[in-house]
């Protein structure tokens, strides 16, 4: 989790996300919960997804993660959903293309070659 937050902060610092305010980045994501309860994730998330970001009635954001075959893919999925949460908290919407590009950069920076190859085709 710390590695994911650190990478997002680095990307922001490098002006890849220049439209966002970075001063309270860690604080913005500190309230986001991550649930690895596969049954709940299967119930709440689309079948085609690896997980999803859900806002509850009281405004809390929770990331639900499905089961993964590799730690690498889980790491990238959590990174992408954390980035979605960041975008949502900053401007109220999520740009899926921007998330895909960020996941690709994250995969490349962390030497996740097979995931990077898949994301290159997707993005």
Protein backbone atom coordinates (compact mmCIF):
# COMPACT_ATOMS: atom_id res chain seq x y z
CA UNK A 1 0.00 0.00 0.00
CA UNK A 2 2.80 2.43 0.89
CA UNK A 3 4.54 1.61 -2.40
CA UNK A 4 1.35 2.43 -4.30
CA UNK A 5 0.85 5.76 -2.51
CA UNK A 6 4.51 6.63 -3.01
CA UNK A 7 4.28 5.94 -6.74
CA UNK A 8 1.17 8.10 -7.15
CA UNK A 9 2.89 10.94 -5.29
CA UNK A 10 5.93 10.62 -7.58
CA UNK A 11 3.70 10.78 -10.66
CA UNK A 12 1.99 13.87 -9.33
CA UNK A 13 5.32 15.48 -8.55
CA UNK A 14 6.48 14.80 -12.09
CA UNK A 15 3.47 16.80 -13.34
CA UNK A 16 1.88 13.79 -14.98
CA UNK A 17 -1.23 14.75 -13.04
CA UNK A 18 -0.60 18.47 -12.91
CA UNK A 19 -4.25 19.41 -12.54
CA UNK A 20 -4.46 17.86 -9.08
CA UNK A 21 -3.60 19.43 -5.75
CA UNK A 22 -0.91 17.31 -4.13
CA UNK A 23 -0.75 19.05 -0.77
CA UNK A 24 -3.19 16.71 0.97
CA UNK A 25 -2.84 13.62 -1.22
CA UNK A 26 -2.10 11.11 1.54
CA UNK A 27 -4.90 12.56 3.65
CA UNK A 28 -7.37 12.22 0.77
CA UNK A 29 -6.68 8.50 0.42
CA UNK A 30 -6.35 7.67 4.11
CA UNK A 31 -10.12 7.18 4.42
CA UNK A 32 -10.35 4.73 1.52
CA UNK A 33 -10.89 1.20 2.80
CA UNK A 34 -9.73 -1.94 1.00
CA UNK A 35 -11.75 -5.15 1.31
CA UNK A 36 -10.40 -8.45 0.02
CA UNK A 37 -13.64 -10.27 0.81
CA UNK A 38 -14.18 -12.07 -2.49
CA UNK A 39 -17.87 -12.82 -1.84
CA UNK A 40 -18.69 -9.15 -1.28
CA UNK A 41 -16.53 -8.12 -4.26
CA UNK A 42 -18.35 -10.60 -6.51
CA UNK A 43 -21.67 -9.19 -5.30
CA UNK A 44 -20.81 -5.49 -5.68
CA UNK A 45 -18.46 -5.41 -8.69
CA UNK A 46 -19.14 -6.06 -12.38
CA UNK A 47 -18.30 -9.58 -13.55
CA UNK A 48 -15.75 -8.24 -16.03
CA UNK A 49 -13.74 -6.38 -13.38
CA UNK A 50 -10.97 -7.36 -10.97
CA UNK A 51 -12.52 -5.19 -8.30
CA UNK A 52 -14.33 -1.91 -7.92
CA UNK A 53 -14.56 1.36 -6.04
CA UNK A 54 -17.86 1.82 -4.22
CA UNK A 55 -19.19 4.90 -2.45
CA UNK A 56 -21.55 4.10 0.42
CA UNK A 57 -24.65 6.12 1.29
CA UNK A 58 -22.64 8.08 3.86
CA UNK A 59 -19.92 8.91 1.30
CA UNK A 60 -17.24 6.43 2.39
CA UNK A 61 -15.14 4.95 -0.40
CA UNK A 62 -14.29 1.26 -0.32
CA UNK A 63 -12.22 -0.73 -2.78
CA UNK A 64 -13.43 -4.31 -3.20
CA UNK A 65 -10.88 -6.75 -4.60
CA UNK A 66 -11.65 -10.08 -6.25
CA UNK A 67 -9.40 -13.11 -6.19
CA UNK A 68 -6.19 -12.92 -8.24
CA UNK A 69 -3.89 -15.55 -9.67
CA UNK A 70 -0.80 -13.45 -8.98
CA UNK A 71 0.38 -10.87 -6.47
CA UNK A 72 1.56 -8.76 -9.41
CA UNK A 73 -1.94 -8.43 -10.87
CA UNK A 74 -3.47 -7.74 -7.46
CA UNK A 75 -0.90 -5.01 -6.83
CA UNK A 76 -1.68 -3.33 -10.15
CA UNK A 77 -5.44 -3.60 -9.61
CA UNK A 78 -5.18 -2.01 -6.15
CA UNK A 79 -3.00 0.74 -7.60
CA UNK A 80 -5.58 1.46 -10.31
CA UNK A 81 -8.49 1.51 -7.88
CA UNK A 82 -6.57 3.77 -5.48
CA UNK A 83 -5.93 6.11 -8.39
CA UNK A 84 -9.66 5.99 -9.22
CA UNK A 85 -10.41 6.94 -5.60
CA UNK A 86 -7.96 9.83 -5.84
CA UNK A 87 -9.54 11.11 -9.06
CA UNK A 88 -13.03 10.75 -7.61
CA UNK A 89 -12.16 12.65 -4.45
CA UNK A 90 -10.47 15.44 -6.39
CA UNK A 91 -13.02 16.08 -9.14
CA UNK A 92 -16.00 13.77 -8.60
CA UNK A 93 -15.36 11.58 -11.64
CA UNK A 94 -12.96 8.91 -12.87
CA UNK A 95 -11.15 8.96 -16.20
CA UNK A 96 -10.67 5.25 -17.03
CA UNK A 97 -8.16 6.01 -19.80
CA UNK A 98 -6.01 8.01 -17.39
CA UNK A 99 -6.23 5.18 -14.86
CA UNK A 100 -5.18 2.67 -17.52
CA UNK A 101 -2.16 4.79 -18.48
CA UNK A 102 -1.19 5.15 -14.81
CA UNK A 103 -1.47 1.39 -14.31
CA UNK A 104 0.74 0.86 -17.36
CA UNK A 105 3.36 3.26 -15.99
CA UNK A 106 3.15 1.59 -12.58
CA UNK A 107 3.60 -1.87 -14.12
CA UNK A 108 6.58 -0.70 -16.17
CA UNK A 109 8.23 1.05 -13.21
CA UNK A 110 7.86 -2.07 -11.07
CA UNK A 111 9.09 -4.48 -13.77
CA UNK A 112 5.75 -6.27 -14.10
CA UNK A 113 6.48 -7.14 -17.74
CA UNK A 114 3.53 -9.41 -18.50
CA UNK A 115 1.05 -6.96 -17.00
CA UNK A 116 2.69 -4.04 -18.82
CA UNK A 117 2.38 -5.94 -22.09
CA UNK A 118 -1.34 -6.53 -21.52
CA UNK A 119 -1.92 -2.92 -20.48
CA UNK A 120 -0.13 -1.58 -23.58
CA UNK A 121 -2.74 -3.32 -25.73
CA UNK A 122 -5.61 -2.18 -23.52
CA UNK A 123 -4.63 1.48 -23.15
